[in-house]
């Protein structure tokens, strides 16, 4: 009998509205966008990184980003979302999973994503330890996102159980 690798897929989603606070920094995929309006959030409000973390947690059956990093916990106030993503990657590793890839789609009217796409992909891939791809999309002026009220991101993650991993191996 052939043994097949255990693989899982997870979906992630995040949305944040733009802030009216002048000094709020916009961070997307761990990359700072100087001169752009920042997003409202308990942490740095990085919608791309949050969606990636959510997709990984969902794929592994480990809950969602709100369970692990609640916005009611002062520990996460102003947190760097790349650190949160690194923590999620470590949780998956502890549970015997490795990431194959993450694909993301960010939807916003501004800023333009294409000029920073490679930098964002590299930043996220370095943290995840696997390829992270990014597509920038516009809402074509439809709805709240089209009216530039915020930014939304969807992510899909593929993870795989590490070969020869057994739950008992972490307790012995």
N, C-alpha and C. Protein backbone atom coordinates (compact mmCIF):
# COMPACT_ATOMS: atom_id res chain seq x y z
N UNK A 1 0.84 -1.19 0.00
CA UNK A 1 0.00 0.00 0.00
C UNK A 1 0.89 1.24 0.00
N UNK A 2 0.54 2.21 -0.83
CA UNK A 2 1.30 3.44 -0.94
C UNK A 2 0.85 4.41 0.14
N UNK A 3 1.83 5.07 0.77
CA UNK A 3 1.53 6.07 1.77
C UNK A 3 1.58 7.45 1.12
N UNK A 4 0.51 8.20 1.28
CA UNK A 4 0.45 9.54 0.72
C UNK A 4 0.77 10.57 1.80
N UNK A 5 1.43 11.65 1.42
CA UNK A 5 1.72 12.69 2.41
C UNK A 5 0.42 13.35 2.85
N UNK A 6 0.36 13.73 4.12
CA UNK A 6 -0.80 14.44 4.63
C UNK A 6 -0.64 15.91 4.28
N UNK A 7 -1.56 16.41 3.47
CA UNK A 7 -1.52 17.83 3.09
C UNK A 7 -2.85 18.48 3.44
N UNK A 8 -2.78 19.77 3.71
CA UNK A 8 -3.98 20.53 4.05
C UNK A 8 -3.90 21.90 3.42
N UNK A 9 -5.08 22.47 3.19
CA UNK A 9 -5.21 23.82 2.63
C UNK A 9 -5.98 24.67 3.62
N UNK A 10 -5.55 25.91 3.78
CA UNK A 10 -6.26 26.84 4.65
C UNK A 10 -6.48 28.17 3.96
N UNK A 11 -7.58 28.82 4.32
CA UNK A 11 -7.89 30.14 3.80
C UNK A 11 -7.74 31.17 4.90
N UNK A 12 -7.21 32.32 4.54
CA UNK A 12 -7.09 33.41 5.49
C UNK A 12 -7.69 34.67 4.90
N UNK A 13 -8.13 35.54 5.80
CA UNK A 13 -8.77 36.78 5.39
C UNK A 13 -8.46 37.84 6.43
N UNK A 14 -8.24 39.06 5.98
CA UNK A 14 -8.13 40.18 6.91
C UNK A 14 -8.54 41.45 6.20
N UNK A 15 -9.07 42.38 6.97
CA UNK A 15 -9.48 43.68 6.44
C UNK A 15 -9.26 44.72 7.54
N UNK A 16 -8.76 45.87 7.16
CA UNK A 16 -8.59 47.00 8.08
C UNK A 16 -8.96 48.27 7.34
N UNK A 17 -9.56 49.20 8.07
CA UNK A 17 -9.89 50.49 7.48
C UNK A 17 -8.70 51.44 7.65
N UNK A 18 -8.67 52.45 6.80
CA UNK A 18 -7.62 53.45 6.88
C UNK A 18 -7.81 54.32 8.12
N UNK A 19 -6.70 54.74 8.68
CA UNK A 19 -6.68 55.57 9.87
C UNK A 19 -6.67 57.05 9.49
N UNK A 20 -7.25 57.87 10.38
CA UNK A 20 -7.17 59.32 10.21
C UNK A 20 -6.01 59.90 11.00
N UNK A 21 -5.27 59.04 11.71
CA UNK A 21 -4.12 59.49 12.50
C UNK A 21 -2.95 59.73 11.55
N UNK A 22 -2.45 60.95 11.53
CA UNK A 22 -1.43 61.37 10.55
C UNK A 22 -0.14 60.57 10.64
N UNK A 23 0.28 60.16 11.83
CA UNK A 23 1.57 59.47 11.96
C UNK A 23 1.45 57.94 11.95
N UNK A 24 0.27 57.41 11.64
CA UNK A 24 0.08 55.96 11.56
C UNK A 24 0.76 55.46 10.29
N UNK A 25 1.66 54.50 10.42
CA UNK A 25 2.46 53.98 9.30
C UNK A 25 1.72 52.85 8.60
N UNK A 26 1.76 52.82 7.27
CA UNK A 26 1.18 51.72 6.51
C UNK A 26 2.23 50.63 6.33
N UNK A 27 1.88 49.43 6.79
CA UNK A 27 2.74 48.25 6.65
C UNK A 27 1.94 47.19 5.91
N UNK A 28 2.49 46.69 4.81
CA UNK A 28 1.86 45.62 4.04
C UNK A 28 2.89 44.55 3.74
N UNK A 29 2.63 43.34 4.20
CA UNK A 29 3.58 42.25 3.99
C UNK A 29 4.92 42.51 4.62
N UNK A 30 4.92 43.25 5.74
CA UNK A 30 6.16 43.55 6.45
C UNK A 30 6.95 44.70 5.86
N UNK A 31 6.41 45.35 4.83
CA UNK A 31 7.10 46.43 4.14
C UNK A 31 6.38 47.75 4.44
N UNK A 32 7.15 48.75 4.83
CA UNK A 32 6.59 50.07 5.14
C UNK A 32 6.39 50.86 3.84
N UNK A 33 5.24 51.51 3.74
CA UNK A 33 4.90 52.36 2.60
C UNK A 33 4.90 53.80 3.08
N UNK A 34 6.05 54.48 2.99
CA UNK A 34 6.13 55.87 3.46
C UNK A 34 5.16 56.78 2.70
N UNK A 35 4.58 57.73 3.43
CA UNK A 35 3.71 58.71 2.80
C UNK A 35 2.30 58.23 2.54
N UNK A 36 2.00 56.98 2.83
CA UNK A 36 0.64 56.45 2.63
C UNK A 36 -0.10 56.42 3.97
N UNK A 37 -1.41 56.54 3.93
CA UNK A 37 -2.21 56.45 5.14
C UNK A 37 -2.08 55.06 5.75
N UNK A 38 -1.92 55.02 7.07
CA UNK A 38 -1.85 53.74 7.77
C UNK A 38 -3.23 53.16 8.00
N UNK A 39 -3.25 51.94 8.52
CA UNK A 39 -4.50 51.23 8.78
C UNK A 39 -4.76 51.18 10.28
N UNK A 40 -6.02 51.17 10.66
CA UNK A 40 -6.43 51.06 12.05
C UNK A 40 -6.28 49.61 12.49
N UNK A 41 -5.67 49.41 13.64
CA UNK A 41 -5.56 48.05 14.19
C UNK A 41 -4.84 48.05 15.51
N UNK A 42 -5.01 46.97 16.25
CA UNK A 42 -4.36 46.82 17.56
C UNK A 42 -2.86 46.63 17.39
N UNK A 43 -2.48 45.85 16.37
CA UNK A 43 -1.05 45.65 16.05
C UNK A 43 -0.69 46.68 14.99
N UNK A 44 0.24 46.34 14.11
CA UNK A 44 0.58 47.25 13.01
C UNK A 44 -0.44 47.21 11.87
N UNK A 45 -1.47 46.36 12.00
CA UNK A 45 -2.60 46.27 11.05
C UNK A 45 -2.17 45.83 9.65
N UNK A 46 -1.17 44.98 9.58
CA UNK A 46 -0.65 44.48 8.30
C UNK A 46 -1.59 43.39 7.77
N UNK A 47 -2.52 43.79 6.89
CA UNK A 47 -3.55 42.86 6.41
C UNK A 47 -2.98 41.66 5.66
N UNK A 48 -1.90 41.84 4.94
CA UNK A 48 -1.33 40.73 4.16
C UNK A 48 -0.73 39.69 5.10
N UNK A 49 0.06 40.14 6.04
CA UNK A 49 0.69 39.22 6.99
C UNK A 49 -0.36 38.54 7.86
N UNK A 50 -1.39 39.28 8.28
CA UNK A 50 -2.46 38.68 9.08
C UNK A 50 -3.20 37.59 8.29
N UNK A 51 -3.49 37.84 7.03
CA UNK A 51 -4.18 36.85 6.21
C UNK A 51 -3.33 35.59 6.04
N UNK A 52 -2.02 35.77 5.88
CA UNK A 52 -1.10 34.62 5.77
C UNK A 52 -1.13 33.79 7.06
N UNK A 53 -1.04 34.46 8.20
CA UNK A 53 -1.07 33.75 9.49
C UNK A 53 -2.39 33.02 9.66
N UNK A 54 -3.48 33.66 9.30
CA UNK A 54 -4.80 33.06 9.43
C UNK A 54 -4.93 31.82 8.55
N UNK A 55 -4.40 31.88 7.33
CA UNK A 55 -4.46 30.74 6.41
C UNK A 55 -3.66 29.56 6.96
N UNK A 56 -2.48 29.83 7.51
CA UNK A 56 -1.65 28.76 8.08
C UNK A 56 -2.33 28.12 9.29
N UNK A 57 -2.86 28.95 10.18
CA UNK A 57 -3.54 28.41 11.36
C UNK A 57 -4.74 27.56 10.97
N UNK A 58 -5.51 28.04 10.00
CA UNK A 58 -6.67 27.28 9.54
C UNK A 58 -6.29 25.95 8.93
N UNK A 59 -5.25 25.96 8.11
CA UNK A 59 -4.82 24.71 7.47
C UNK A 59 -4.40 23.67 8.50
N UNK A 60 -3.75 24.10 9.55
CA UNK A 60 -3.27 23.18 10.58
C UNK A 60 -4.34 22.85 11.62
N UNK A 61 -5.49 23.49 11.52
CA UNK A 61 -6.55 23.25 12.50
C UNK A 61 -6.22 23.84 13.86
N UNK A 62 -5.48 24.95 13.86
CA UNK A 62 -5.03 25.56 15.11
C UNK A 62 -5.78 26.85 15.43
N UNK A 63 -6.99 26.99 14.90
CA UNK A 63 -7.78 28.17 15.21
C UNK A 63 -7.55 29.29 14.23
N UNK A 64 -7.64 30.52 14.74
CA UNK A 64 -7.46 31.68 13.88
C UNK A 64 -6.60 32.72 14.59
N UNK A 65 -6.27 33.75 13.86
CA UNK A 65 -5.35 34.76 14.38
C UNK A 65 -5.91 35.47 15.62
N UNK A 66 -7.24 35.67 15.65
CA UNK A 66 -7.86 36.31 16.81
C UNK A 66 -7.77 35.48 18.08
N UNK A 67 -7.74 34.17 17.95
CA UNK A 67 -7.58 33.29 19.12
C UNK A 67 -6.18 33.41 19.71
N UNK A 68 -5.19 33.52 18.84
CA UNK A 68 -3.80 33.53 19.29
C UNK A 68 -3.31 34.92 19.68
N UNK A 69 -3.84 35.95 19.01
CA UNK A 69 -3.39 37.32 19.24
C UNK A 69 -4.59 38.25 19.39
N UNK A 70 -5.38 38.09 20.45
CA UNK A 70 -6.61 38.89 20.58
C UNK A 70 -6.33 40.38 20.70
N UNK A 71 -7.21 41.17 20.07
CA UNK A 71 -7.02 42.63 20.12
C UNK A 71 -7.40 43.23 21.47
N UNK A 72 -7.78 42.38 22.40
CA UNK A 72 -8.05 42.83 23.77
C UNK A 72 -6.84 42.65 24.67
N UNK A 73 -5.79 42.00 24.15
CA UNK A 73 -4.60 41.71 24.95
C UNK A 73 -3.55 42.81 24.73
N UNK A 74 -3.19 43.54 25.79
CA UNK A 74 -2.21 44.62 25.62
C UNK A 74 -0.84 44.14 25.14
N UNK A 75 -0.55 42.87 25.29
CA UNK A 75 0.73 42.33 24.81
C UNK A 75 0.91 42.54 23.31
N UNK A 76 -0.18 42.55 22.57
CA UNK A 76 -0.10 42.64 21.11
C UNK A 76 -0.29 44.05 20.58
N UNK A 77 -0.47 45.04 21.46
CA UNK A 77 -0.66 46.43 21.02
C UNK A 77 0.60 46.90 20.28
N UNK A 78 0.41 47.32 19.04
CA UNK A 78 1.51 47.81 18.23
C UNK A 78 2.45 46.73 17.74
N UNK A 79 2.08 45.46 17.89
CA UNK A 79 2.96 44.33 17.54
C UNK A 79 3.35 44.34 16.06
N UNK A 80 4.56 43.90 15.80
CA UNK A 80 5.07 43.70 14.45
C UNK A 80 4.45 42.41 13.93
N UNK A 81 3.66 42.50 12.88
CA UNK A 81 2.96 41.34 12.36
C UNK A 81 3.90 40.26 11.82
N UNK A 82 5.10 40.63 11.40
CA UNK A 82 6.06 39.60 10.97
C UNK A 82 6.44 38.71 12.15
N UNK A 83 6.53 39.28 13.34
CA UNK A 83 6.82 38.48 14.55
C UNK A 83 5.64 37.55 14.85
N UNK A 84 4.42 38.04 14.64
CA UNK A 84 3.25 37.19 14.84
C UNK A 84 3.26 36.03 13.84
N UNK A 85 3.59 36.33 12.59
CA UNK A 85 3.66 35.28 11.56
C UNK A 85 4.75 34.27 11.90
N UNK A 86 5.90 34.73 12.36
CA UNK A 86 6.98 33.81 12.75
C UNK A 86 6.52 32.90 13.90
N UNK A 87 5.75 33.44 14.82
CA UNK A 87 5.21 32.65 15.92
C UNK A 87 4.26 31.57 15.38
N UNK A 88 3.42 31.93 14.42
CA UNK A 88 2.50 30.97 13.82
C UNK A 88 3.28 29.86 13.10
N UNK A 89 4.31 30.23 12.36
CA UNK A 89 5.14 29.24 11.67
C UNK A 89 5.75 28.28 12.69
N UNK A 90 6.20 28.80 13.82
CA UNK A 90 6.76 27.94 14.88
C UNK A 90 5.69 27.01 15.46
N UNK A 91 4.49 27.51 15.64
CA UNK A 91 3.40 26.66 16.14
C UNK A 91 3.14 25.50 15.19
N UNK A 92 3.12 25.79 13.90
CA UNK A 92 2.92 24.72 12.92
C UNK A 92 4.05 23.71 12.98
N UNK A 93 5.29 24.21 13.08
CA UNK A 93 6.44 23.32 13.17
C UNK A 93 6.36 22.41 14.38
N UNK A 94 5.94 22.98 15.51
CA UNK A 94 5.79 22.18 16.73
C UNK A 94 4.72 21.11 16.58
N UNK A 95 3.77 21.35 15.69
CA UNK A 95 2.69 20.40 15.46
C UNK A 95 2.98 19.47 14.27
N UNK A 96 4.22 19.54 13.74
CA UNK A 96 4.63 18.61 12.69
C UNK A 96 4.35 19.05 11.27
N UNK A 97 4.03 20.33 11.06
CA UNK A 97 3.69 20.81 9.73
C UNK A 97 4.80 21.66 9.15
N UNK A 98 4.90 21.63 7.83
CA UNK A 98 5.78 22.52 7.10
C UNK A 98 4.95 23.21 6.01
N UNK A 99 5.29 24.43 5.71
CA UNK A 99 4.54 25.18 4.70
C UNK A 99 5.09 24.90 3.32
N UNK A 100 4.20 24.60 2.39
CA UNK A 100 4.59 24.41 0.99
C UNK A 100 4.58 25.74 0.26
N UNK A 101 3.50 26.51 0.43
CA UNK A 101 3.42 27.84 -0.17
C UNK A 101 2.19 28.57 0.36
N UNK A 102 2.19 29.88 0.16
CA UNK A 102 1.02 30.72 0.45
C UNK A 102 0.83 31.62 -0.76
N UNK A 103 -0.42 31.74 -1.20
CA UNK A 103 -0.77 32.66 -2.28
C UNK A 103 -1.72 33.69 -1.72
N UNK A 104 -1.48 34.96 -2.01
CA UNK A 104 -2.30 36.04 -1.46
C UNK A 104 -2.85 36.93 -2.57
N UNK A 105 -3.99 37.54 -2.27
CA UNK A 105 -4.59 38.54 -3.14
C UNK A 105 -4.99 39.71 -2.26
N UNK A 106 -4.34 40.86 -2.47
CA UNK A 106 -4.67 42.06 -1.71
C UNK A 106 -5.50 42.96 -2.61
N UNK A 107 -6.54 43.55 -2.03
CA UNK A 107 -7.45 44.38 -2.80
C UNK A 107 -7.46 45.77 -2.20
N UNK A 108 -7.04 46.75 -3.01
CA UNK A 108 -7.02 48.14 -2.57
C UNK A 108 -6.90 49.04 -3.79
N UNK A 109 -7.37 50.26 -3.62
CA UNK A 109 -7.22 51.26 -4.68
C UNK A 109 -5.84 51.91 -4.59
N UNK A 110 -5.37 52.07 -3.36
CA UNK A 110 -4.03 52.59 -3.14
C UNK A 110 -3.53 52.02 -1.83
N UNK A 111 -2.23 51.81 -1.70
CA UNK A 111 -1.19 52.15 -2.67
C UNK A 111 -1.11 51.12 -3.79
N UNK A 112 -0.33 51.44 -4.79
CA UNK A 112 -0.05 50.48 -5.86
C UNK A 112 0.86 49.39 -5.30
N UNK A 113 0.49 48.16 -5.50
CA UNK A 113 1.22 47.01 -4.95
C UNK A 113 2.37 46.58 -5.87
N UNK A 114 2.16 46.65 -7.17
CA UNK A 114 3.13 46.11 -8.13
C UNK A 114 4.57 46.60 -7.92
N UNK A 115 4.80 47.89 -7.65
CA UNK A 115 6.18 48.33 -7.48
C UNK A 115 6.90 47.71 -6.27
N UNK A 116 6.15 47.18 -5.30
CA UNK A 116 6.75 46.61 -4.09
C UNK A 116 6.52 45.10 -3.98
N UNK A 117 5.89 44.51 -5.00
CA UNK A 117 5.51 43.09 -4.96
C UNK A 117 6.68 42.17 -4.63
N UNK A 118 7.79 42.29 -5.33
CA UNK A 118 8.93 41.39 -5.12
C UNK A 118 9.45 41.53 -3.69
N UNK A 119 9.54 42.75 -3.20
CA UNK A 119 10.03 42.99 -1.83
C UNK A 119 9.10 42.35 -0.79
N UNK A 120 7.79 42.51 -0.98
CA UNK A 120 6.83 41.91 -0.06
C UNK A 120 6.92 40.39 -0.11
N UNK A 121 6.94 39.84 -1.31
CA UNK A 121 7.03 38.39 -1.45
C UNK A 121 8.28 37.84 -0.77
N UNK A 122 9.40 38.50 -0.95
CA UNK A 122 10.66 38.04 -0.36
C UNK A 122 10.61 38.14 1.16
N UNK A 123 10.08 39.25 1.67
CA UNK A 123 9.99 39.45 3.12
C UNK A 123 9.14 38.35 3.76
N UNK A 124 7.98 38.09 3.19
CA UNK A 124 7.10 37.05 3.74
C UNK A 124 7.68 35.65 3.56
N UNK A 125 8.27 35.39 2.40
CA UNK A 125 8.87 34.07 2.15
C UNK A 125 9.99 33.78 3.13
N UNK A 126 10.77 34.80 3.47
CA UNK A 126 11.86 34.62 4.44
C UNK A 126 11.32 34.22 5.81
N UNK A 127 10.21 34.79 6.22
CA UNK A 127 9.63 34.46 7.53
C UNK A 127 8.97 33.09 7.51
N UNK A 128 8.24 32.79 6.43
CA UNK A 128 7.50 31.54 6.33
C UNK A 128 8.41 30.36 6.02
N UNK A 129 9.49 30.60 5.32
CA UNK A 129 10.37 29.50 4.93
C UNK A 129 9.86 28.75 3.72
N UNK A 130 9.00 29.40 2.95
CA UNK A 130 8.41 28.81 1.75
C UNK A 130 7.95 29.96 0.85
N UNK A 131 7.69 29.68 -0.43
CA UNK A 131 7.27 30.75 -1.32
C UNK A 131 5.94 31.37 -0.91
N UNK A 132 5.91 32.69 -0.90
CA UNK A 132 4.68 33.45 -0.72
C UNK A 132 4.52 34.33 -1.95
N UNK A 133 3.40 34.19 -2.63
CA UNK A 133 3.13 34.99 -3.82
C UNK A 133 2.05 36.01 -3.50
N UNK A 134 2.08 37.10 -4.24
CA UNK A 134 1.18 38.22 -3.99
C UNK A 134 0.63 38.76 -5.29
N UNK A 135 -0.68 38.95 -5.29
CA UNK A 135 -1.34 39.60 -6.41
C UNK A 135 -2.00 40.86 -5.88
N UNK A 136 -1.82 41.96 -6.58
CA UNK A 136 -2.49 43.21 -6.24
C UNK A 136 -3.70 43.40 -7.13
N UNK A 137 -4.83 43.70 -6.52
CA UNK A 137 -6.08 43.88 -7.25
C UNK A 137 -6.74 45.19 -6.83
N UNK A 138 -7.57 45.71 -7.72
CA UNK A 138 -8.36 46.90 -7.39
C UNK A 138 -9.81 46.49 -7.30
N UNK A 139 -10.58 47.26 -6.55
CA UNK A 139 -12.02 47.03 -6.44
C UNK A 139 -12.80 47.83 -7.47
N UNK A 140 -12.07 48.51 -8.37
CA UNK A 140 -12.68 49.28 -9.46
C UNK A 140 -13.72 50.28 -8.93
N UNK A 141 -13.37 50.90 -7.80
CA UNK A 141 -14.19 51.94 -7.16
C UNK A 141 -15.54 51.44 -6.64
N UNK A 142 -15.68 50.12 -6.48
CA UNK A 142 -16.93 49.54 -5.97
C UNK A 142 -16.80 49.26 -4.47
N UNK A 143 -17.82 49.57 -3.71
CA UNK A 143 -17.87 49.24 -2.29
C UNK A 143 -16.89 50.03 -1.45
N UNK A 144 -16.79 49.63 -0.18
CA UNK A 144 -15.93 50.33 0.78
C UNK A 144 -14.47 50.32 0.36
N UNK A 145 -13.99 49.21 -0.15
CA UNK A 145 -12.59 49.14 -0.57
C UNK A 145 -12.38 50.03 -1.79
N UNK A 146 -13.33 50.03 -2.72
CA UNK A 146 -13.24 50.89 -3.90
C UNK A 146 -13.31 52.37 -3.58
N UNK A 147 -13.96 52.70 -2.46
CA UNK A 147 -14.03 54.09 -2.02
C UNK A 147 -12.81 54.45 -1.17
N UNK A 148 -11.81 53.62 -1.16
CA UNK A 148 -10.55 53.80 -0.41
C UNK A 148 -10.77 53.94 1.09
N UNK A 149 -11.71 53.15 1.61
CA UNK A 149 -11.96 53.15 3.06
C UNK A 149 -11.04 52.17 3.78
N UNK A 150 -10.43 51.25 3.05
CA UNK A 150 -9.55 50.27 3.68
C UNK A 150 -8.91 49.35 2.68
N UNK A 151 -8.31 48.29 3.21
CA UNK A 151 -7.61 47.28 2.40
C UNK A 151 -8.04 45.91 2.89
N UNK A 152 -8.21 44.98 1.97
CA UNK A 152 -8.57 43.60 2.30
C UNK A 152 -7.55 42.66 1.67
N UNK A 153 -7.33 41.53 2.31
CA UNK A 153 -6.43 40.52 1.75
C UNK A 153 -6.99 39.12 2.00
N UNK A 154 -6.86 38.27 1.00
CA UNK A 154 -7.21 36.86 1.08
C UNK A 154 -5.92 36.07 0.90
N UNK A 155 -5.78 34.97 1.63
CA UNK A 155 -4.59 34.12 1.49
C UNK A 155 -5.02 32.66 1.50
N UNK A 156 -4.29 31.86 0.73
CA UNK A 156 -4.49 30.42 0.71
C UNK A 156 -3.13 29.78 0.98
N UNK A 157 -3.11 28.88 1.97
CA UNK A 157 -1.86 28.22 2.35
C UNK A 157 -1.98 26.72 2.12
N UNK A 158 -0.89 26.14 1.64
CA UNK A 158 -0.78 24.69 1.50
C UNK A 158 0.30 24.23 2.47
N UNK A 159 -0.06 23.32 3.36
CA UNK A 159 0.91 22.79 4.31
C UNK A 159 0.97 21.27 4.19
N UNK A 160 2.04 20.71 4.69
CA UNK A 160 2.24 19.27 4.60
C UNK A 160 2.85 18.76 5.88
N UNK A 161 2.40 17.59 6.31
CA UNK A 161 2.97 16.96 7.50
C UNK A 161 4.40 16.57 7.17
N UNK A 162 5.32 16.88 8.08
CA UNK A 162 6.72 16.49 7.86
C UNK A 162 6.84 14.97 7.82
N UNK A 163 7.67 14.46 6.92
CA UNK A 163 7.86 13.00 6.85
C UNK A 163 8.34 12.45 8.19
N UNK A 164 7.83 11.32 8.54
CA UNK A 164 8.24 10.59 9.75
C UNK A 164 7.92 11.34 11.04
N UNK A 165 7.04 12.35 10.98
CA UNK A 165 6.68 13.07 12.19
C UNK A 165 5.61 12.29 12.92
N UNK A 166 5.79 12.20 14.22
CA UNK A 166 4.78 11.56 15.05
C UNK A 166 4.56 12.45 16.27
N UNK A 167 3.32 12.60 16.66
CA UNK A 167 3.00 13.47 17.79
C UNK A 167 3.78 13.07 19.03
N UNK A 168 4.02 11.80 19.22
CA UNK A 168 4.75 11.34 20.41
C UNK A 168 6.20 11.79 20.39
N UNK A 169 6.72 12.15 19.20
CA UNK A 169 8.12 12.56 19.12
C UNK A 169 8.37 13.88 19.82
N UNK A 170 7.34 14.72 20.00
CA UNK A 170 7.56 15.99 20.69
C UNK A 170 7.41 15.86 22.20
N UNK A 171 6.86 14.76 22.65
CA UNK A 171 6.69 14.58 24.09
C UNK A 171 7.78 13.71 24.70
N UNK A 172 8.56 13.04 23.86
CA UNK A 172 9.60 12.16 24.43
C UNK A 172 10.95 12.82 24.50
